[in-house]
Amino acid sequence: MSRSNITLHSEFIIVGLPTPDEQDTALFIIFLILFLATFLGNLLIVVLISLDHRLHMPMYFFLWNLSVLDILMTTSIIPKMLAGLLGQKTISFTGCFAQMYFLISFAAVEGFLVAAMAYDRYVAVVKPLHYNTLISTKVCITMTTIAWMLGVLGALLSVVPASTLPFCGSNLILHIVTDVSLP
């Protein structure tokens, strides 16, 4: 097959929400308020758990991690979506794959953290008398570290190979974020 008629793209266009242009300002304000509420609410949880020593228990340690993860997830997605609502709908090739990497890795970390929380609650219910010996601070830190490492490194398995491919089809992204589209 001849490659002479293939156009390679250096940036993508995020189509975003299918709304009339006159509604973009209202949507921008609504999503900005939701973003700030999410960000500040999770930041409050992080600060309160960090400052109150009565909350330095496994369940709150995991909730602290989920709040940090929620802050990271929303700040990797929403600012670009807000910029798109203001008219800046293009994203560079590198920016696209950076956003995709962070979205995939944070979603994976969240899944692993929820699994660790489920194990924590399982031990608390099934073996309540052994809970303090089975779920120590070291075990919590180990489970959380493994969750973060698996999520951060696991995302590389899909994003790095995809970023090395030439993109010669449409450069339109029909979502509000750059993500791997599954058939």
N, C-alpha and C. Protein backbone atom coordinates (compact mmCIF):
# COMPACT_ATOMS: atom_id res chain seq x y z
N MET A 1 0.83 -1.17 0.00
CA MET A 1 0.00 0.00 0.00
C MET A 1 0.88 1.24 0.00
N SER A 2 0.54 2.20 -0.77
CA SER A 2 1.30 3.43 -0.88
C SER A 2 1.00 4.35 0.29
N ARG A 3 2.02 4.97 0.86
CA ARG A 3 1.84 5.88 1.98
C ARG A 3 1.86 7.34 1.53
N SER A 4 1.83 7.60 0.24
CA SER A 4 1.95 8.96 -0.25
C SER A 4 0.72 9.82 0.02
N ASN A 5 -0.44 9.21 0.19
CA ASN A 5 -1.64 10.01 0.40
C ASN A 5 -2.10 10.02 1.86
N ILE A 6 -1.25 9.62 2.79
CA ILE A 6 -1.60 9.59 4.20
C ILE A 6 -1.15 10.88 4.86
N THR A 7 -2.06 11.51 5.61
CA THR A 7 -1.74 12.73 6.35
C THR A 7 -1.54 12.38 7.81
N LEU A 8 -0.35 12.66 8.35
CA LEU A 8 -0.08 12.41 9.75
C LEU A 8 -0.45 13.66 10.56
N HIS A 9 -1.03 13.45 11.73
CA HIS A 9 -1.50 14.56 12.54
C HIS A 9 -0.53 14.83 13.69
N SER A 10 -0.36 16.11 14.02
CA SER A 10 0.47 16.48 15.16
C SER A 10 -0.37 16.95 16.33
N GLU A 11 -1.68 17.14 16.10
CA GLU A 11 -2.57 17.50 17.19
C GLU A 11 -3.95 16.93 16.92
N PHE A 12 -4.73 16.87 17.98
CA PHE A 12 -6.08 16.33 17.89
C PHE A 12 -7.07 17.42 18.24
N ILE A 13 -8.30 17.25 17.78
CA ILE A 13 -9.38 18.17 18.09
C ILE A 13 -10.38 17.44 18.98
N ILE A 14 -10.58 17.97 20.20
CA ILE A 14 -11.52 17.38 21.13
C ILE A 14 -12.89 17.98 20.84
N VAL A 15 -13.79 17.15 20.34
CA VAL A 15 -15.13 17.63 19.99
C VAL A 15 -15.90 18.00 21.25
N GLY A 16 -15.79 17.20 22.28
CA GLY A 16 -16.42 17.51 23.55
C GLY A 16 -17.91 17.25 23.57
N LEU A 17 -18.60 18.07 24.33
CA LEU A 17 -20.04 17.91 24.49
C LEU A 17 -20.78 18.46 23.28
N PRO A 18 -21.75 17.71 22.76
CA PRO A 18 -22.49 18.19 21.59
C PRO A 18 -23.56 19.21 22.00
N THR A 19 -23.14 20.44 22.23
CA THR A 19 -24.06 21.51 22.64
C THR A 19 -23.88 22.71 21.73
N PRO A 20 -24.91 23.52 21.64
CA PRO A 20 -24.76 24.77 20.89
C PRO A 20 -23.72 25.68 21.56
N ASP A 21 -23.04 26.48 20.75
CA ASP A 21 -21.97 27.34 21.27
C ASP A 21 -22.46 28.32 22.33
N GLU A 22 -23.70 28.75 22.27
CA GLU A 22 -24.19 29.71 23.25
C GLU A 22 -24.36 29.10 24.64
N GLN A 23 -24.37 27.78 24.74
CA GLN A 23 -24.47 27.13 26.04
C GLN A 23 -23.11 26.84 26.66
N ASP A 24 -22.04 27.06 25.92
CA ASP A 24 -20.70 26.75 26.43
C ASP A 24 -20.35 27.56 27.67
N THR A 25 -20.73 28.81 27.73
CA THR A 25 -20.40 29.65 28.89
C THR A 25 -21.13 29.14 30.13
N ALA A 26 -22.40 28.80 29.99
CA ALA A 26 -23.15 28.27 31.13
C ALA A 26 -22.56 26.94 31.59
N LEU A 27 -22.22 26.07 30.65
CA LEU A 27 -21.59 24.79 31.01
C LEU A 27 -20.23 25.00 31.66
N PHE A 28 -19.48 25.98 31.16
CA PHE A 28 -18.19 26.29 31.76
C PHE A 28 -18.36 26.66 33.23
N ILE A 29 -19.31 27.51 33.53
CA ILE A 29 -19.54 27.94 34.91
C ILE A 29 -19.99 26.76 35.78
N ILE A 30 -20.90 25.95 35.26
CA ILE A 30 -21.37 24.79 36.03
C ILE A 30 -20.23 23.82 36.32
N PHE A 31 -19.45 23.48 35.28
CA PHE A 31 -18.35 22.53 35.48
C PHE A 31 -17.22 23.13 36.33
N LEU A 32 -17.01 24.43 36.24
CA LEU A 32 -16.01 25.07 37.10
C LEU A 32 -16.43 24.99 38.56
N ILE A 33 -17.70 25.25 38.83
CA ILE A 33 -18.20 25.15 40.21
C ILE A 33 -18.08 23.72 40.72
N LEU A 34 -18.46 22.74 39.89
CA LEU A 34 -18.34 21.34 40.29
C LEU A 34 -16.88 20.94 40.51
N PHE A 35 -15.99 21.43 39.64
CA PHE A 35 -14.57 21.13 39.79
C PHE A 35 -14.03 21.71 41.09
N LEU A 36 -14.36 22.96 41.37
CA LEU A 36 -13.88 23.59 42.60
C LEU A 36 -14.45 22.91 43.84
N ALA A 37 -15.73 22.51 43.80
CA ALA A 37 -16.33 21.80 44.93
C ALA A 37 -15.64 20.45 45.15
N THR A 38 -15.38 19.73 44.07
CA THR A 38 -14.69 18.44 44.17
C THR A 38 -13.28 18.61 44.70
N PHE A 39 -12.57 19.58 44.13
CA PHE A 39 -11.19 19.81 44.52
C PHE A 39 -11.11 20.23 45.99
N LEU A 40 -11.91 21.22 46.38
CA LEU A 40 -11.85 21.73 47.75
C LEU A 40 -12.38 20.70 48.75
N GLY A 41 -13.42 19.94 48.39
CA GLY A 41 -13.93 18.90 49.28
C GLY A 41 -12.90 17.82 49.55
N ASN A 42 -12.23 17.37 48.51
CA ASN A 42 -11.19 16.35 48.69
C ASN A 42 -9.97 16.91 49.40
N LEU A 43 -9.65 18.16 49.13
CA LEU A 43 -8.53 18.79 49.84
C LEU A 43 -8.84 18.91 51.33
N LEU A 44 -10.09 19.21 51.66
CA LEU A 44 -10.51 19.28 53.06
C LEU A 44 -10.37 17.91 53.73
N ILE A 45 -10.76 16.85 53.04
CA ILE A 45 -10.60 15.50 53.59
C ILE A 45 -9.13 15.18 53.82
N VAL A 46 -8.28 15.52 52.87
CA VAL A 46 -6.85 15.25 53.00
C VAL A 46 -6.28 16.00 54.20
N VAL A 47 -6.63 17.27 54.33
CA VAL A 47 -6.10 18.08 55.43
C VAL A 47 -6.62 17.58 56.78
N LEU A 48 -7.92 17.30 56.87
CA LEU A 48 -8.49 16.86 58.15
C LEU A 48 -7.91 15.52 58.59
N ILE A 49 -7.78 14.58 57.67
CA ILE A 49 -7.20 13.28 58.04
C ILE A 49 -5.74 13.44 58.41
N SER A 50 -5.02 14.34 57.74
CA SER A 50 -3.61 14.56 58.06
C SER A 50 -3.43 15.20 59.44
N LEU A 51 -4.32 16.11 59.81
CA LEU A 51 -4.16 16.86 61.06
C LEU A 51 -4.73 16.16 62.29
N ASP A 52 -5.80 15.41 62.15
CA ASP A 52 -6.44 14.78 63.29
C ASP A 52 -5.85 13.39 63.52
N HIS A 53 -5.13 13.24 64.61
CA HIS A 53 -4.44 11.97 64.88
C HIS A 53 -5.41 10.84 65.22
N ARG A 54 -6.65 11.17 65.59
CA ARG A 54 -7.64 10.12 65.84
C ARG A 54 -8.05 9.43 64.53
N LEU A 55 -7.78 10.08 63.40
CA LEU A 55 -8.13 9.51 62.10
C LEU A 55 -6.97 8.78 61.44
N HIS A 56 -5.91 8.55 62.16
CA HIS A 56 -4.76 7.82 61.61
C HIS A 56 -4.96 6.32 61.82
N MET A 57 -5.98 5.82 61.13
CA MET A 57 -6.33 4.41 61.18
C MET A 57 -6.40 3.92 59.73
N PRO A 58 -6.34 2.58 59.52
CA PRO A 58 -6.31 2.07 58.14
C PRO A 58 -7.42 2.59 57.23
N MET A 59 -8.67 2.60 57.72
CA MET A 59 -9.77 3.03 56.87
C MET A 59 -9.57 4.48 56.40
N TYR A 60 -9.16 5.34 57.29
CA TYR A 60 -8.95 6.75 56.93
C TYR A 60 -7.69 6.94 56.10
N PHE A 61 -6.72 6.07 56.30
CA PHE A 61 -5.52 6.11 55.45
C PHE A 61 -5.90 5.83 54.00
N PHE A 62 -6.76 4.84 53.78
CA PHE A 62 -7.21 4.54 52.43
C PHE A 62 -8.10 5.66 51.88
N LEU A 63 -8.96 6.22 52.72
CA LEU A 63 -9.79 7.35 52.27
C LEU A 63 -8.93 8.56 51.90
N TRP A 64 -7.85 8.78 52.65
CA TRP A 64 -6.91 9.86 52.34
C TRP A 64 -6.33 9.65 50.94
N ASN A 65 -5.92 8.42 50.67
CA ASN A 65 -5.36 8.10 49.35
C ASN A 65 -6.39 8.27 48.24
N LEU A 66 -7.64 7.87 48.49
CA LEU A 66 -8.69 8.05 47.48
C LEU A 66 -8.97 9.52 47.23
N SER A 67 -8.89 10.34 48.27
CA SER A 67 -9.10 11.79 48.09
C SER A 67 -7.96 12.40 47.28
N VAL A 68 -6.74 12.00 47.56
CA VAL A 68 -5.60 12.48 46.77
C VAL A 68 -5.77 12.04 45.32
N LEU A 69 -6.18 10.82 45.13
CA LEU A 69 -6.40 10.28 43.79
C LEU A 69 -7.50 11.04 43.06
N ASP A 70 -8.56 11.38 43.76
CA ASP A 70 -9.66 12.14 43.16
C ASP A 70 -9.20 13.54 42.76
N ILE A 71 -8.37 14.16 43.57
CA ILE A 71 -7.81 15.47 43.22
C ILE A 71 -6.97 15.35 41.94
N LEU A 72 -6.12 14.34 41.89
CA LEU A 72 -5.27 14.14 40.71
C LEU A 72 -6.09 13.83 39.46
N MET A 73 -7.11 12.99 39.61
CA MET A 73 -7.94 12.61 38.47
C MET A 73 -8.69 13.82 37.91
N THR A 74 -9.31 14.60 38.78
CA THR A 74 -10.07 15.74 38.28
C THR A 74 -9.17 16.82 37.69
N THR A 75 -7.99 17.01 38.25
CA THR A 75 -7.10 18.02 37.69
C THR A 75 -6.42 17.57 36.40
N SER A 76 -6.49 16.28 36.11
CA SER A 76 -5.94 15.82 34.83
C SER A 76 -6.97 15.86 33.71
N ILE A 77 -8.24 15.98 34.05
CA ILE A 77 -9.30 15.96 33.04
C ILE A 77 -10.01 17.30 32.88
N ILE A 78 -10.49 17.85 33.98
CA ILE A 78 -11.42 18.98 33.92
C ILE A 78 -10.80 20.26 33.35
N PRO A 79 -9.56 20.64 33.69
CA PRO A 79 -9.04 21.89 33.11
C PRO A 79 -9.03 21.91 31.58
N LYS A 80 -8.69 20.79 30.94
CA LYS A 80 -8.70 20.74 29.48
C LYS A 80 -10.13 20.81 28.95
N MET A 81 -11.06 20.18 29.68
CA MET A 81 -12.46 20.26 29.27
C MET A 81 -12.97 21.69 29.39
N LEU A 82 -12.58 22.39 30.46
CA LEU A 82 -12.99 23.79 30.63
C LEU A 82 -12.39 24.66 29.52
N ALA A 83 -11.14 24.39 29.17
CA ALA A 83 -10.51 25.15 28.07
C ALA A 83 -11.25 24.87 26.76
N GLY A 84 -11.72 23.65 26.56
CA GLY A 84 -12.48 23.31 25.37
C GLY A 84 -13.80 24.06 25.31
N LEU A 85 -14.43 24.25 26.47
CA LEU A 85 -15.68 25.00 26.50
C LEU A 85 -15.46 26.48 26.19
N LEU A 86 -14.23 26.95 26.43
CA LEU A 86 -13.91 28.34 26.10
C LEU A 86 -13.41 28.49 24.68
N GLY A 87 -13.34 27.39 23.93
CA GLY A 87 -12.98 27.48 22.52
C GLY A 87 -11.65 26.88 22.15
N GLN A 88 -10.81 26.53 23.10
CA GLN A 88 -9.50 25.95 22.80
C GLN A 88 -9.66 24.43 22.76
N LYS A 89 -10.07 23.93 21.60
CA LYS A 89 -10.45 22.52 21.46
C LYS A 89 -9.32 21.62 20.96
N THR A 90 -8.16 22.15 20.68
CA THR A 90 -7.08 21.30 20.19
C THR A 90 -6.19 20.86 21.36
N ILE A 91 -5.59 19.69 21.17
CA ILE A 91 -4.64 19.17 22.14
C ILE A 91 -3.50 18.55 21.35
N SER A 92 -2.29 18.79 21.81
CA SER A 92 -1.12 18.27 21.10
C SER A 92 -1.06 16.75 21.23
N PHE A 93 -0.28 16.15 20.37
CA PHE A 93 -0.08 14.71 20.40
C PHE A 93 0.46 14.29 21.77
N THR A 94 1.45 15.01 22.26
CA THR A 94 2.04 14.70 23.57
C THR A 94 1.02 14.93 24.69
N GLY A 95 0.29 16.04 24.63
CA GLY A 95 -0.72 16.33 25.64
C GLY A 95 -1.82 15.28 25.67
N CYS A 96 -2.18 14.80 24.50
CA CYS A 96 -3.21 13.76 24.38
C CYS A 96 -2.76 12.49 25.11
N PHE A 97 -1.55 12.06 24.85
CA PHE A 97 -1.08 10.82 25.47
C PHE A 97 -0.73 11.01 26.94
N ALA A 98 -0.35 12.21 27.33
CA ALA A 98 -0.13 12.48 28.76
C ALA A 98 -1.46 12.39 29.51
N GLN A 99 -2.50 13.02 28.96
CA GLN A 99 -3.81 12.96 29.60
C GLN A 99 -4.32 11.51 29.64
N MET A 100 -4.13 10.79 28.56
CA MET A 100 -4.55 9.40 28.50
C MET A 100 -3.81 8.57 29.55
N TYR A 101 -2.51 8.79 29.69
CA TYR A 101 -1.73 8.04 30.67
C TYR A 101 -2.23 8.30 32.09
N PHE A 102 -2.41 9.58 32.42
CA PHE A 102 -2.86 9.91 33.77
C PHE A 102 -4.26 9.36 34.04
N LEU A 103 -5.15 9.45 33.08
CA LEU A 103 -6.51 8.94 33.26
C LEU A 103 -6.50 7.43 33.49
N ILE A 104 -5.76 6.70 32.68
CA ILE A 104 -5.69 5.24 32.82
C ILE A 104 -5.00 4.86 34.13
N SER A 105 -3.89 5.51 34.45
CA SER A 105 -3.16 5.13 35.66
C SER A 105 -3.95 5.45 36.92
N PHE A 106 -4.61 6.62 36.97
CA PHE A 106 -5.39 6.96 38.16
C PHE A 106 -6.60 6.06 38.31
N ALA A 107 -7.23 5.67 37.20
CA ALA A 107 -8.36 4.74 37.26
C ALA A 107 -7.90 3.38 37.76
N ALA A 108 -6.74 2.93 37.31
CA ALA A 108 -6.20 1.64 37.77
C ALA A 108 -5.84 1.70 39.26
N VAL A 109 -5.20 2.78 39.68
CA VAL A 109 -4.85 2.92 41.10
C VAL A 109 -6.13 2.90 41.95
N GLU A 110 -7.17 3.57 41.47
CA GLU A 110 -8.43 3.60 42.21
C GLU A 110 -8.99 2.19 42.38
N GLY A 111 -8.94 1.40 41.33
CA GLY A 111 -9.43 0.02 41.43
C GLY A 111 -8.63 -0.80 42.43
N PHE A 112 -7.32 -0.66 42.39
CA PHE A 112 -6.48 -1.39 43.34
C PHE A 112 -6.68 -0.91 44.77
N LEU A 113 -6.87 0.40 44.96
CA LEU A 113 -7.11 0.92 46.31
C LEU A 113 -8.45 0.44 46.86
N VAL A 114 -9.46 0.40 46.02
CA VAL A 114 -10.76 -0.10 46.47
C VAL A 114 -10.65 -1.58 46.84
N ALA A 115 -9.86 -2.33 46.11
CA ALA A 115 -9.63 -3.74 46.46
C ALA A 115 -8.93 -3.85 47.81
N ALA A 116 -7.95 -2.99 48.06
CA ALA A 116 -7.25 -3.00 49.35
C ALA A 116 -8.21 -2.61 50.48
N MET A 117 -9.08 -1.64 50.21
CA MET A 117 -10.08 -1.25 51.21
C MET A 117 -11.06 -2.39 51.48
N ALA A 118 -11.42 -3.11 50.44
CA ALA A 118 -12.33 -4.25 50.62
C ALA A 118 -11.67 -5.32 51.49
N TYR A 119 -10.39 -5.56 51.26
CA TYR A 119 -9.68 -6.53 52.09
C TYR A 119 -9.61 -6.06 53.54
N ASP A 120 -9.36 -4.78 53.74
CA ASP A 120 -9.32 -4.21 55.09
C ASP A 120 -10.65 -4.43 55.80
N ARG A 121 -11.75 -4.13 55.14
CA ARG A 121 -13.07 -4.29 55.75
C ARG A 121 -13.41 -5.78 55.93
N TYR A 122 -12.96 -6.62 55.02
CA TYR A 122 -13.18 -8.06 55.15
C TYR A 122 -12.52 -8.58 56.42
N VAL A 123 -11.27 -8.19 56.63
CA VAL A 123 -10.56 -8.63 57.84
C VAL A 123 -11.24 -8.08 59.08
N ALA A 124 -11.71 -6.83 59.03
CA ALA A 124 -12.37 -6.22 60.19
C ALA A 124 -13.66 -6.95 60.55
N VAL A 125 -14.36 -7.48 59.56
CA VAL A 125 -15.63 -8.16 59.83
C VAL A 125 -15.42 -9.63 60.16
N VAL A 126 -14.56 -10.31 59.41
CA VAL A 126 -14.40 -11.76 59.57
C VAL A 126 -13.49 -12.12 60.73
N LYS A 127 -12.44 -11.35 60.94
CA LYS A 127 -11.48 -11.65 62.01
C LYS A 127 -11.26 -10.40 62.88
N PRO A 128 -12.29 -9.95 63.56
CA PRO A 128 -12.16 -8.69 64.32
C PRO A 128 -11.12 -8.75 65.44
N LEU A 129 -10.94 -9.91 66.05
CA LEU A 129 -9.97 -10.00 67.14
C LEU A 129 -8.53 -10.03 66.64
N HIS A 130 -8.33 -10.40 65.38
CA HIS A 130 -6.98 -10.45 64.80
C HIS A 130 -6.70 -9.23 63.92
N TYR A 131 -7.67 -8.32 63.85
CA TYR A 131 -7.56 -7.19 62.91
C TYR A 131 -6.28 -6.39 63.11
N ASN A 132 -5.96 -6.03 64.35
CA ASN A 132 -4.78 -5.19 64.60
C ASN A 132 -3.47 -5.88 64.27
N THR A 133 -3.44 -7.20 64.31
CA THR A 133 -2.21 -7.89 63.93
C THR A 133 -2.13 -8.14 62.43
N LEU A 134 -3.29 -8.34 61.78
CA LEU A 134 -3.29 -8.59 60.33
C LEU A 134 -3.18 -7.30 59.51
N ILE A 135 -3.82 -6.24 59.97
CA ILE A 135 -3.80 -4.97 59.24
C ILE A 135 -3.04 -3.95 60.08
N SER A 136 -1.75 -3.97 59.94
CA SER A 136 -0.91 -3.00 60.66
C SER A 136 -0.62 -1.81 59.75
N THR A 137 0.03 -0.83 60.28
CA THR A 137 0.41 0.34 59.48
C THR A 137 1.31 -0.07 58.33
N LYS A 138 2.23 -0.99 58.59
CA LYS A 138 3.13 -1.47 57.54
C LYS A 138 2.36 -2.16 56.42
N VAL A 139 1.35 -2.96 56.76
CA VAL A 139 0.54 -3.66 55.76
C VAL A 139 -0.24 -2.65 54.92
N CYS A 140 -0.80 -1.64 55.58
CA CYS A 140 -1.55 -0.60 54.85
C CYS A 140 -0.65 0.15 53.88
N ILE A 141 0.52 0.53 54.33
CA ILE A 141 1.46 1.26 53.46
C ILE A 141 1.91 0.36 52.32
N THR A 142 2.14 -0.92 52.60
CA THR A 142 2.55 -1.85 51.54
C THR A 142 1.45 -2.02 50.50
N MET A 143 0.21 -2.24 50.94
CA MET A 143 -0.90 -2.40 50.00
C MET A 143 -1.10 -1.14 49.16
N THR A 144 -0.99 0.01 49.80
CA THR A 144 -1.18 1.27 49.08
C THR A 144 -0.05 1.52 48.09
N THR A 145 1.17 1.24 48.50
CA THR A 145 2.31 1.41 47.60
C THR A 145 2.19 0.49 46.39
N ILE A 146 1.79 -0.75 46.63
CA ILE A 146 1.61 -1.69 45.52
C ILE A 146 0.50 -1.20 44.59
N ALA A 147 -0.59 -0.69 45.16
CA ALA A 147 -1.69 -0.18 44.33
C ALA A 147 -1.22 0.97 43.44
N TRP A 148 -0.48 1.90 44.02
CA TRP A 148 0.03 3.04 43.22
C TRP A 148 1.02 2.57 42.18
N MET A 149 1.92 1.66 42.54
CA MET A 149 2.92 1.19 41.58
C MET A 149 2.28 0.43 40.43
N LEU A 150 1.34 -0.46 40.73
CA LEU A 150 0.67 -1.22 39.67
C LEU A 150 -0.11 -0.31 38.74
N GLY A 151 -0.78 0.68 39.30
CA GLY A 151 -1.55 1.60 38.46
C GLY A 151 -0.68 2.47 37.59
N VAL A 152 0.37 3.02 38.17
CA VAL A 152 1.25 3.93 37.44
C VAL A 152 2.06 3.18 36.38
N LEU A 153 2.58 2.02 36.73
CA LEU A 153 3.38 1.26 35.77
C LEU A 153 2.51 0.50 34.76
N GLY A 154 1.34 0.04 35.21
CA GLY A 154 0.46 -0.71 34.32
C GLY A 154 -0.07 0.14 33.17
N ALA A 155 -0.29 1.42 33.41
CA ALA A 155 -0.79 2.31 32.35
C ALA A 155 0.23 2.46 31.23
N LEU A 156 1.50 2.30 31.56
CA LEU A 156 2.54 2.40 30.53
C LEU A 156 2.39 1.31 29.47
N LEU A 157 1.83 0.16 29.87
CA LEU A 157 1.69 -0.96 28.93
C LEU A 157 0.74 -0.67 27.77
N SER A 158 -0.19 0.23 27.97
CA SER A 158 -1.10 0.56 26.87
C SER A 158 -0.77 1.90 26.22
N VAL A 159 -0.27 2.84 26.98
CA VAL A 159 -0.05 4.19 26.43
C VAL A 159 1.23 4.28 25.61
N VAL A 160 2.31 3.71 26.10
CA VAL A 160 3.58 3.82 25.38
C VAL A 160 3.51 3.16 24.00
N PRO A 161 3.01 1.92 23.87
CA PRO A 161 2.91 1.36 22.52
C PRO A 161 1.97 2.16 21.61
N ALA A 162 0.88 2.66 22.16
CA ALA A 162 -0.06 3.44 21.34
C ALA A 162 0.55 4.75 20.88
N SER A 163 1.42 5.33 21.70
CA SER A 163 2.02 6.62 21.33
C SER A 163 3.08 6.49 20.23
N THR A 164 3.54 5.28 19.98
CA THR A 164 4.56 5.09 18.94
C THR A 164 3.94 4.85 17.56
N LEU A 165 2.63 4.67 17.52
CA LEU A 165 1.96 4.40 16.25
C LEU A 165 1.72 5.70 15.47
N PRO A 166 1.74 5.64 14.15
CA PRO A 166 1.36 6.83 13.37
C PRO A 166 -0.16 6.96 13.36
N PHE A 167 -0.65 8.17 13.53
CA PHE A 167 -2.09 8.41 13.50
C PHE A 167 -2.43 9.14 12.22
N CYS A 168 -3.01 8.40 11.30
CA CYS A 168 -3.26 8.95 9.98
C CYS A 168 -4.74 9.02 9.64
N GLY A 169 -5.60 8.62 10.55
CA GLY A 169 -7.04 8.71 10.32
C GLY A 169 -7.54 10.07 10.74
N SER A 170 -8.73 10.10 11.21
CA SER A 170 -9.33 11.34 11.67
C SER A 170 -8.63 11.80 12.95
N ASN A 171 -8.47 13.11 13.08
CA ASN A 171 -7.87 13.64 14.29
C ASN A 171 -8.92 14.19 15.24
N LEU A 172 -10.17 13.78 15.08
CA LEU A 172 -11.25 14.19 15.96
C LEU A 172 -11.39 13.21 17.11
N ILE A 173 -11.49 13.74 18.31
CA ILE A 173 -11.76 12.93 19.50
C ILE A 173 -13.19 13.26 19.91
N LEU A 174 -14.06 12.28 19.84
CA LEU A 174 -15.49 12.51 20.05
C LEU A 174 -15.88 12.41 21.52
N HIS A 175 -14.98 12.74 22.43
CA HIS A 175 -15.24 12.69 23.86
C HIS A 175 -14.76 14.01 24.48
N ILE A 176 -14.86 14.09 25.81
CA ILE A 176 -14.32 15.28 26.48
C ILE A 176 -12.90 15.07 26.97
N VAL A 177 -12.42 13.81 26.89
CA VAL A 177 -11.04 13.48 27.28
C VAL A 177 -10.44 12.58 26.21
N THR A 178 -9.12 12.49 26.23
CA THR A 178 -8.44 11.55 25.36
C THR A 178 -8.29 10.24 26.12
N ASP A 179 -8.94 9.21 25.63
CA ASP A 179 -8.96 7.93 26.30
C ASP A 179 -8.88 6.83 25.25
N VAL A 180 -8.53 5.65 25.68
CA VAL A 180 -8.49 4.52 24.78
C VAL A 180 -9.94 4.12 24.49
N SER A 181 -10.30 4.13 23.23
CA SER A 181 -11.65 3.72 22.84
C SER A 181 -11.66 2.22 22.58
N LEU A 182 -12.53 1.55 23.28
CA LEU A 182 -12.66 0.11 23.08
C LEU A 182 -13.87 -0.14 22.17
N PRO A 183 -13.74 -1.10 21.25
CA PRO A 183 -14.88 -1.37 20.36
C PRO A 183 -16.05 -1.96 21.09
